[in-house]
């Protein structure tokens, strides 16, 4: 289903319709309708879940996080998450 919805979203006509839609609910209806035209049977909820997955941004690491991963230092967040206790000199 994920790949089918992703393929539908690559259609430029559907993209234009989605961009003109008034709200996310309308966009989901357009995707469901486009899916029906291709022989798919998506629920509004499943389309919404896929869209959420596609639009999620990965968490960005802070400079402190990057240093801790590279062994440069042990920041407070890293030490709290670790089962080991590190002592900085």
PDB file of N, CA and C in Angstrom:
ATOM      1  N   UNK A   1       0.818  -1.188   0.000  1.00  0.00           N
ATOM      2  CA  UNK A   1       0.000   0.000   0.000  1.00  0.00           C
ATOM      3  C   UNK A   1       0.866   1.257   0.000  1.00  0.00           C
ATOM      4  N   UNK A   2       1.919   1.264   0.812  1.00  0.00           N
ATOM      5  CA  UNK A   2       2.807   2.421   0.904  1.00  0.00           C
ATOM      6  C   UNK A   2       3.350   2.789  -0.472  1.00  0.00           C
ATOM      7  N   UNK A   3       3.872   1.796  -1.188  1.00  0.00           N
ATOM      8  CA  UNK A   3       4.444   2.051  -2.510  1.00  0.00           C
ATOM      9  C   UNK A   3       3.392   2.466  -3.516  1.00  0.00           C
ATOM     10  N   UNK A   4       2.184   1.935  -3.386  1.00  0.00           N
ATOM     11  CA  UNK A   4       1.104   2.313  -4.293  1.00  0.00           C
ATOM     12  C   UNK A   4       0.722   3.777  -4.111  1.00  0.00           C
ATOM     13  N   UNK A   5       0.615   4.209  -2.870  1.00  0.00           N
ATOM     14  CA  UNK A   5       0.277   5.610  -2.593  1.00  0.00           C
ATOM     15  C   UNK A   5       1.417   6.515  -3.038  1.00  0.00           C
ATOM     16  N   UNK A   6       2.633   6.075  -2.772  1.00  0.00           N
ATOM     17  CA  UNK A   6       3.805   6.852  -3.192  1.00  0.00           C
ATOM     18  C   UNK A   6       3.815   7.015  -4.714  1.00  0.00           C
ATOM     19  N   UNK A   7       3.478   5.957  -5.442  1.00  0.00           N
ATOM     20  CA  UNK A   7       3.420   6.024  -6.906  1.00  0.00           C
ATOM     21  C   UNK A   7       2.324   6.987  -7.360  1.00  0.00           C
ATOM     22  N   UNK A   8       1.172   6.950  -6.693  1.00  0.00           N
ATOM     23  CA  UNK A   8       0.097   7.884  -7.025  1.00  0.00           C
ATOM     24  C   UNK A   8       0.556   9.330  -6.849  1.00  0.00           C
ATOM     25  N   UNK A   9       1.312   9.564  -5.787  1.00  0.00           N
ATOM     26  CA  UNK A   9       1.761  10.922  -5.486  1.00  0.00           C
ATOM     27  C   UNK A   9       2.805  11.439  -6.470  1.00  0.00           C
ATOM     28  N   UNK A  10       3.356  10.563  -7.285  1.00  0.00           N
ATOM     29  CA  UNK A  10       4.325  11.016  -8.287  1.00  0.00           C
ATOM     30  C   UNK A  10       3.630  11.571  -9.535  1.00  0.00           C
ATOM     31  N   UNK A  11       2.308  11.388  -9.630  1.00  0.00           N
ATOM     32  CA  UNK A  11       1.537  11.899 -10.753  1.00  0.00           C
ATOM     33  C   UNK A  11       1.400  13.421 -10.640  1.00  0.00           C
ATOM     34  N   UNK A  12       1.842  14.139 -11.666  1.00  0.00           N
ATOM     35  CA  UNK A  12       1.851  15.603 -11.611  1.00  0.00           C
ATOM     36  C   UNK A  12       0.442  16.201 -11.549  1.00  0.00           C
ATOM     37  N   UNK A  13      -0.525  15.576 -12.221  1.00  0.00           N
ATOM     38  CA  UNK A  13      -1.900  16.087 -12.161  1.00  0.00           C
ATOM     39  C   UNK A  13      -2.464  15.975 -10.748  1.00  0.00           C
ATOM     40  N   UNK A  14      -2.206  14.838 -10.103  1.00  0.00           N
ATOM     41  CA  UNK A  14      -2.683  14.659  -8.733  1.00  0.00           C
ATOM     42  C   UNK A  14      -1.977  15.649  -7.806  1.00  0.00           C
ATOM     43  N   UNK A  15      -0.701  15.865  -8.020  1.00  0.00           N
ATOM     44  CA  UNK A  15       0.041  16.832  -7.207  1.00  0.00           C
ATOM     45  C   UNK A  15      -0.588  18.221  -7.311  1.00  0.00           C
ATOM     46  N   UNK A  16      -0.951  18.617  -8.526  1.00  0.00           N
ATOM     47  CA  UNK A  16      -1.570  19.935  -8.714  1.00  0.00           C
ATOM     48  C   UNK A  16      -2.918  20.016  -8.002  1.00  0.00           C
ATOM     49  N   UNK A  17      -3.705  18.943  -8.088  1.00  0.00           N
ATOM     50  CA  UNK A  17      -4.997  18.923  -7.408  1.00  0.00           C
ATOM     51  C   UNK A  17      -4.814  19.018  -5.898  1.00  0.00           C
ATOM     52  N   UNK A  18      -3.822  18.310  -5.378  1.00  0.00           N
ATOM     53  CA  UNK A  18      -3.564  18.338  -3.934  1.00  0.00           C
ATOM     54  C   UNK A  18      -3.139  19.732  -3.504  1.00  0.00           C
ATOM     55  N   UNK A  19      -2.307  20.369  -4.301  1.00  0.00           N
ATOM     56  CA  UNK A  19      -1.839  21.721  -3.950  1.00  0.00           C
ATOM     57  C   UNK A  19      -2.989  22.728  -3.949  1.00  0.00           C
ATOM     58  N   UNK A  20      -4.008  22.495  -4.779  1.00  0.00           N
ATOM     59  CA  UNK A  20      -5.158  23.390  -4.845  1.00  0.00           C
ATOM     60  C   UNK A  20      -6.216  23.064  -3.803  1.00  0.00           C
ATOM     61  N   UNK A  21      -6.093  21.913  -3.157  1.00  0.00           N
ATOM     62  CA  UNK A  21      -7.118  21.503  -2.193  1.00  0.00           C
ATOM     63  C   UNK A  21      -7.138  22.449  -0.998  1.00  0.00           C
ATOM     64  N   UNK A  22      -8.314  22.539  -0.389  1.00  0.00           N
ATOM     65  CA  UNK A  22      -8.535  23.487   0.702  1.00  0.00           C
ATOM     66  C   UNK A  22      -7.913  23.054   2.023  1.00  0.00           C
ATOM     67  N   UNK A  23      -7.776  21.732   2.237  1.00  0.00           N
ATOM     68  CA  UNK A  23      -7.283  21.247   3.521  1.00  0.00           C
ATOM     69  C   UNK A  23      -6.786  19.813   3.372  1.00  0.00           C
ATOM     70  N   UNK A  24      -6.135  19.281   4.403  1.00  0.00           N
ATOM     71  CA  UNK A  24      -5.616  17.909   4.333  1.00  0.00           C
ATOM     72  C   UNK A  24      -6.694  16.853   4.089  1.00  0.00           C
ATOM     73  N   UNK A  25      -7.881  17.040   4.641  1.00  0.00           N
ATOM     74  CA  UNK A  25      -8.962  16.082   4.442  1.00  0.00           C
ATOM     75  C   UNK A  25      -9.329  15.990   2.964  1.00  0.00           C
ATOM     76  N   UNK A  26      -9.390  17.132   2.307  1.00  0.00           N
ATOM     77  CA  UNK A  26      -9.674  17.165   0.873  1.00  0.00           C
ATOM     78  C   UNK A  26      -8.567  16.469   0.085  1.00  0.00           C
ATOM     79  N   UNK A  27      -7.321  16.679   0.482  1.00  0.00           N
ATOM     80  CA  UNK A  27      -6.181  16.020  -0.182  1.00  0.00           C
ATOM     81  C   UNK A  27      -6.281  14.505  -0.061  1.00  0.00           C
ATOM     82  N   UNK A  28      -6.632  14.035   1.110  1.00  0.00           N
ATOM     83  CA  UNK A  28      -6.769  12.590   1.337  1.00  0.00           C
ATOM     84  C   UNK A  28      -7.870  12.017   0.456  1.00  0.00           C
ATOM     85  N   UNK A  29      -8.986  12.742   0.353  1.00  0.00           N
ATOM     86  CA  UNK A  29     -10.079  12.287  -0.512  1.00  0.00           C
ATOM     87  C   UNK A  29      -9.613  12.181  -1.964  1.00  0.00           C
ATOM     88  N   UNK A  30      -8.810  13.134  -2.419  1.00  0.00           N
ATOM     89  CA  UNK A  30      -8.284  13.105  -3.783  1.00  0.00           C
ATOM     90  C   UNK A  30      -7.402  11.875  -4.013  1.00  0.00           C
ATOM     91  N   UNK A  31      -6.593  11.555  -3.017  1.00  0.00           N
ATOM     92  CA  UNK A  31      -5.699  10.395  -3.135  1.00  0.00           C
ATOM     93  C   UNK A  31      -6.504   9.100  -3.146  1.00  0.00           C
ATOM     94  N   UNK A  32      -7.511   9.012  -2.283  1.00  0.00           N
ATOM     95  CA  UNK A  32      -8.370   7.819  -2.258  1.00  0.00           C
ATOM     96  C   UNK A  32      -9.061   7.658  -3.613  1.00  0.00           C
ATOM     97  N   UNK A  33      -9.575   8.762  -4.154  1.00  0.00           N
ATOM     98  CA  UNK A  33     -10.261   8.727  -5.450  1.00  0.00           C
ATOM     99  C   UNK A  33      -9.298   8.307  -6.566  1.00  0.00           C
ATOM    100  N   UNK A  34      -8.074   8.830  -6.547  1.00  0.00           N
ATOM    101  CA  UNK A  34      -7.073   8.444  -7.548  1.00  0.00           C
ATOM    102  C   UNK A  34      -6.722   6.968  -7.404  1.00  0.00           C
ATOM    103  N   UNK A  35      -6.694   6.480  -6.187  1.00  0.00           N
ATOM    104  CA  UNK A  35      -6.432   5.064  -5.948  1.00  0.00           C
ATOM    105  C   UNK A  35      -7.530   4.179  -6.511  1.00  0.00           C
ATOM    106  N   UNK A  36      -8.773   4.591  -6.326  1.00  0.00           N
ATOM    107  CA  UNK A  36      -9.918   3.833  -6.863  1.00  0.00           C
ATOM    108  C   UNK A  36      -9.811   3.755  -8.384  1.00  0.00           C
ATOM    109  N   UNK A  37      -9.408   4.856  -9.016  1.00  0.00           N
ATOM    110  CA  UNK A  37      -9.261   4.872 -10.477  1.00  0.00           C
ATOM    111  C   UNK A  37      -8.201   3.880 -10.952  1.00  0.00           C
ATOM    112  N   UNK A  38      -7.231   3.585 -10.087  1.00  0.00           N
ATOM    113  CA  UNK A  38      -6.173   2.614 -10.424  1.00  0.00           C
ATOM    114  C   UNK A  38      -6.500   1.206  -9.932  1.00  0.00           C
ATOM    115  N   UNK A  39      -7.662   1.043  -9.301  1.00  0.00           N
ATOM    116  CA  UNK A  39      -8.067  -0.275  -8.817  1.00  0.00           C
ATOM    117  C   UNK A  39      -7.668  -0.558  -7.380  1.00  0.00           C
ATOM    118  N   UNK A  40      -7.213   0.459  -6.651  1.00  0.00           N
ATOM    119  CA  UNK A  40      -6.831   0.284  -5.248  1.00  0.00           C
ATOM    120  C   UNK A  40      -8.021   0.609  -4.355  1.00  0.00           C
ATOM    121  N   UNK A  41      -7.981   0.108  -3.134  1.00  0.00           N
ATOM    122  CA  UNK A  41      -9.041   0.364  -2.176  1.00  0.00           C
ATOM    123  C   UNK A  41      -8.400   0.822  -0.864  1.00  0.00           C
ATOM    124  N   UNK A  42      -8.075   2.113  -0.794  1.00  0.00           N
ATOM    125  CA  UNK A  42      -7.448   2.681   0.406  1.00  0.00           C
ATOM    126  C   UNK A  42      -8.510   3.299   1.301  1.00  0.00           C
ATOM    127  N   UNK A  43      -8.339   3.145   2.599  1.00  0.00           N
ATOM    128  CA  UNK A  43      -9.187   3.884   3.532  1.00  0.00           C
ATOM    129  C   UNK A  43      -8.563   5.268   3.739  1.00  0.00           C
ATOM    130  N   UNK A  44      -9.377   6.204   4.174  1.00  0.00           N
ATOM    131  CA  UNK A  44      -8.864   7.553   4.460  1.00  0.00           C
ATOM    132  C   UNK A  44      -7.806   7.492   5.560  1.00  0.00           C
ATOM    133  N   UNK A  45      -8.021   6.609   6.523  1.00  0.00           N
ATOM    134  CA  UNK A  45      -7.080   6.480   7.643  1.00  0.00           C
ATOM    135  C   UNK A  45      -5.726   5.954   7.175  1.00  0.00           C
ATOM    136  N   UNK A  46      -5.745   4.968   6.271  1.00  0.00           N
ATOM    137  CA  UNK A  46      -4.471   4.411   5.804  1.00  0.00           C
ATOM    138  C   UNK A  46      -3.705   5.434   4.967  1.00  0.00           C
ATOM    139  N   UNK A  47      -4.420   6.214   4.161  1.00  0.00           N
ATOM    140  CA  UNK A  47      -3.759   7.264   3.380  1.00  0.00           C
ATOM    141  C   UNK A  47      -3.163   8.306   4.326  1.00  0.00           C
ATOM    142  N   UNK A  48      -3.898   8.666   5.346  1.00  0.00           N
ATOM    143  CA  UNK A  48      -3.410   9.637   6.323  1.00  0.00           C
ATOM    144  C   UNK A  48      -2.138   9.142   7.008  1.00  0.00           C
ATOM    145  N   UNK A  49      -2.105   7.860   7.373  1.00  0.00           N
ATOM    146  CA  UNK A  49      -0.918   7.290   8.019  1.00  0.00           C
ATOM    147  C   UNK A  49       0.283   7.310   7.087  1.00  0.00           C
ATOM    148  N   UNK A  50       0.069   6.967   5.820  1.00  0.00           N
ATOM    149  CA  UNK A  50       1.174   6.976   4.852  1.00  0.00           C
ATOM    150  C   UNK A  50       1.675   8.396   4.655  1.00  0.00           C
ATOM    151  N   UNK A  51       0.768   9.355   4.540  1.00  0.00           N
ATOM    152  CA  UNK A  51       1.188  10.750   4.372  1.00  0.00           C
ATOM    153  C   UNK A  51       1.985  11.236   5.570  1.00  0.00           C
ATOM    154  N   UNK A  52       1.560  10.834   6.751  1.00  0.00           N
ATOM    155  CA  UNK A  52       2.302  11.204   7.963  1.00  0.00           C
ATOM    156  C   UNK A  52       3.709  10.621   7.916  1.00  0.00           C
ATOM    157  N   UNK A  53       3.820   9.385   7.511  1.00  0.00           N
ATOM    158  CA  UNK A  53       5.129   8.733   7.402  1.00  0.00           C
ATOM    159  C   UNK A  53       6.007   9.436   6.375  1.00  0.00           C
ATOM    160  N   UNK A  54       5.423   9.803   5.248  1.00  0.00           N
ATOM    161  CA  UNK A  54       6.195  10.441   4.181  1.00  0.00           C
ATOM    162  C   UNK A  54       6.648  11.854   4.547  1.00  0.00           C
ATOM    163  N   UNK A  55       5.878  12.525   5.385  1.00  0.00           N
ATOM    164  CA  UNK A  55       6.214  13.913   5.702  1.00  0.00           C
ATOM    165  C   UNK A  55       6.980  14.080   7.008  1.00  0.00           C
ATOM    166  N   UNK A  56       7.199  12.990   7.728  1.00  0.00           N
ATOM    167  CA  UNK A  56       7.952  13.080   8.982  1.00  0.00           C
ATOM    168  C   UNK A  56       9.391  13.470   8.702  1.00  0.00           C
ATOM    169  N   UNK A  57       9.887  14.427   9.447  1.00  0.00           N
ATOM    170  CA  UNK A  57      11.271  14.853   9.335  1.00  0.00           C
ATOM    171  C   UNK A  57      12.093  14.123  10.392  1.00  0.00           C
ATOM    172  N   UNK A  58      13.267  13.628  10.010  1.00  0.00           N
ATOM    173  CA  UNK A  58      14.096  12.969  11.016  1.00  0.00           C
ATOM    174  C   UNK A  58      14.570  13.981  12.063  1.00  0.00           C
ATOM    175  N   UNK A  59      14.742  13.511  13.280  1.00  0.00           N
ATOM    176  CA  UNK A  59      15.245  14.388  14.335  1.00  0.00           C
ATOM    177  C   UNK A  59      16.666  14.812  14.016  1.00  0.00           C
ATOM    178  N   UNK A  60      16.938  16.082  14.223  1.00  0.00           N
ATOM    179  CA  UNK A  60      18.285  16.563  13.997  1.00  0.00           C
ATOM    180  C   UNK A  60      19.091  16.443  15.285  1.00  0.00           C
ATOM    181  N   UNK A  61      20.355  16.093  15.133  1.00  0.00           N
ATOM    182  CA  UNK A  61      21.238  15.999  16.283  1.00  0.00           C
ATOM    183  C   UNK A  61      21.852  17.360  16.560  1.00  0.00           C
ATOM    184  N   UNK A  62      22.018  17.669  17.841  1.00  0.00           N
ATOM    185  CA  UNK A  62      22.698  18.898  18.216  1.00  0.00           C
ATOM    186  C   UNK A  62      24.201  18.684  18.071  1.00  0.00           C
ATOM    187  N   UNK A  63      24.956  19.758  18.132  1.00  0.00           N
ATOM    188  CA  UNK A  63      26.413  19.642  18.067  1.00  0.00           C
ATOM    189  C   UNK A  63      26.928  18.792  19.224  1.00  0.00           C
ATOM    190  N   UNK A  64      26.306  18.938  20.388  1.00  0.00           N
ATOM    191  CA  UNK A  64      26.678  18.150  21.566  1.00  0.00           C
ATOM    192  C   UNK A  64      26.450  16.655  21.311  1.00  0.00           C
ATOM    193  N   UNK A  65      25.315  16.319  20.691  1.00  0.00           N
ATOM    194  CA  UNK A  65      25.019  14.929  20.366  1.00  0.00           C
ATOM    195  C   UNK A  65      26.057  14.356  19.404  1.00  0.00           C
ATOM    196  N   UNK A  66      26.402  15.141  18.389  1.00  0.00           N
ATOM    197  CA  UNK A  66      27.382  14.689  17.403  1.00  0.00           C
ATOM    198  C   UNK A  66      28.749  14.458  18.045  1.00  0.00           C
ATOM    199  N   UNK A  67      29.142  15.354  18.940  1.00  0.00           N
ATOM    200  CA  UNK A  67      30.421  15.182  19.627  1.00  0.00           C
ATOM    201  C   UNK A  67      30.411  13.926  20.499  1.00  0.00           C
ATOM    202  N   UNK A  68      29.307  13.684  21.165  1.00  0.00           N
ATOM    203  CA  UNK A  68      29.209  12.510  22.031  1.00  0.00           C
ATOM    204  C   UNK A  68      29.286  11.224  21.208  1.00  0.00           C
ATOM    205  N   UNK A  69      28.636  11.205  20.053  1.00  0.00           N
ATOM    206  CA  UNK A  69      28.672  10.022  19.202  1.00  0.00           C
ATOM    207  C   UNK A  69      30.071   9.785  18.657  1.00  0.00           C
ATOM    208  N   UNK A  70      30.758  10.877  18.333  1.00  0.00           N
ATOM    209  CA  UNK A  70      32.095  10.743  17.767  1.00  0.00           C
ATOM    210  C   UNK A  70      33.154  10.514  18.849  1.00  0.00           C
ATOM    211  N   UNK A  71      32.762  10.574  20.112  1.00  0.00           N
ATOM    212  CA  UNK A  71      33.713  10.360  21.203  1.00  0.00           C
ATOM    213  C   UNK A  71      34.354  11.648  21.697  1.00  0.00           C
ATOM    214  N   UNK A  72      33.861  12.788  21.211  1.00  0.00           N
ATOM    215  CA  UNK A  72      34.448  14.075  21.573  1.00  0.00           C
ATOM    216  C   UNK A  72      34.130  14.522  22.982  1.00  0.00           C
ATOM    217  N   UNK A  73      32.963  14.186  23.483  1.00  0.00           N
ATOM    218  CA  UNK A  73      32.594  14.567  24.845  1.00  0.00           C
ATOM    219  C   UNK A  73      31.361  13.789  25.271  1.00  0.00           C
ATOM    220  N   UNK A  74      31.037  13.926  26.524  1.00  0.00           N
ATOM    221  CA  UNK A  74      29.844  13.274  27.052  1.00  0.00           C
ATOM    222  C   UNK A  74      28.928  14.369  27.558  1.00  0.00           C
ATOM    223  N   UNK A  75      27.891  14.677  26.793  1.00  0.00           N
ATOM    224  CA  UNK A  75      26.941  15.705  27.196  1.00  0.00           C
ATOM    225  C   UNK A  75      25.921  15.138  28.158  1.00  0.00           C
ATOM    226  N   UNK A  76      25.166  16.010  28.798  1.00  0.00           N
ATOM    227  CA  UNK A  76      24.191  15.565  29.791  1.00  0.00           C
ATOM    228  C   UNK A  76      23.145  14.601  29.223  1.00  0.00           C
ATOM    229  N   UNK A  77      22.645  14.882  28.034  1.00  0.00           N
ATOM    230  CA  UNK A  77      21.624  14.005  27.452  1.00  0.00           C
ATOM    231  C   UNK A  77      22.207  12.634  27.158  1.00  0.00           C
ATOM    232  N   UNK A  78      23.417  12.590  26.649  1.00  0.00           N
ATOM    233  CA  UNK A  78      24.046  11.326  26.303  1.00  0.00           C
ATOM    234  C   UNK A  78      24.295  10.497  27.550  1.00  0.00           C
ATOM    235  N   UNK A  79      24.784  11.123  28.611  1.00  0.00           N
ATOM    236  CA  UNK A  79      25.077  10.391  29.839  1.00  0.00           C
ATOM    237  C   UNK A  79      23.805   9.869  30.491  1.00  0.00           C
ATOM    238  N   UNK A  80      22.720  10.647  30.397  1.00  0.00           N
ATOM    239  CA  UNK A  80      21.465  10.197  30.974  1.00  0.00           C
ATOM    240  C   UNK A  80      20.931   8.971  30.243  1.00  0.00           C
ATOM    241  N   UNK A  81      21.186   8.898  28.943  1.00  0.00           N
ATOM    242  CA  UNK A  81      20.680   7.789  28.156  1.00  0.00           C
ATOM    243  C   UNK A  81      21.568   6.554  28.264  1.00  0.00           C
ATOM    244  N   UNK A  82      22.775   6.737  28.704  1.00  0.00           N
ATOM    245  CA  UNK A  82      23.740   5.651  28.749  1.00  0.00           C
ATOM    246  C   UNK A  82      23.616   4.883  30.058  1.00  0.00           C
ATOM    247  N   UNK A  83      23.906   3.590  29.990  1.00  0.00           N
ATOM    248  CA  UNK A  83      23.880   2.784  31.222  1.00  0.00           C
ATOM    249  C   UNK A  83      25.215   2.887  31.955  1.00  0.00           C
ATOM    250  N   UNK A  84      26.235   3.451  31.300  1.00  0.00           N
ATOM    251  CA  UNK A  84      27.537   3.621  31.926  1.00  0.00           C
ATOM    252  C   UNK A  84      27.679   5.042  32.453  1.00  0.00           C
ATOM    253  N   UNK A  85      28.485   5.229  33.441  1.00  0.00           N
ATOM    254  CA  UNK A  85      28.739   6.554  33.976  1.00  0.00           C
ATOM    255  C   UNK A  85      30.130   6.987  33.518  1.00  0.00           C
ATOM    256  N   UNK A  86      30.215   8.138  32.921  1.00  0.00           N
ATOM    257  CA  UNK A  86      31.480   8.664  32.436  1.00  0.00           C
ATOM    258  C   UNK A  86      31.878   9.842  33.288  1.00  0.00           C
ATOM    259  N   UNK A  87      33.160   9.939  33.560  1.00  0.00           N
ATOM    260  CA  UNK A  87      33.676  11.060  34.321  1.00  0.00           C
ATOM    261  C   UNK A  87      34.582  11.846  33.393  1.00  0.00           C
ATOM    262  N   UNK A  88      34.255  13.138  33.236  1.00  0.00           N
ATOM    263  CA  UNK A  88      35.092  13.989  32.397  1.00  0.00           C
ATOM    264  C   UNK A  88      36.205  14.576  33.250  1.00  0.00           C
ATOM    265  N   UNK A  89      37.407  14.611  32.693  1.00  0.00           N
ATOM    266  CA  UNK A  89      38.548  15.194  33.419  1.00  0.00           C
ATOM    267  C   UNK A  89      38.599  16.682  33.248  1.00  0.00           C
TER     268      UNK A  89
END
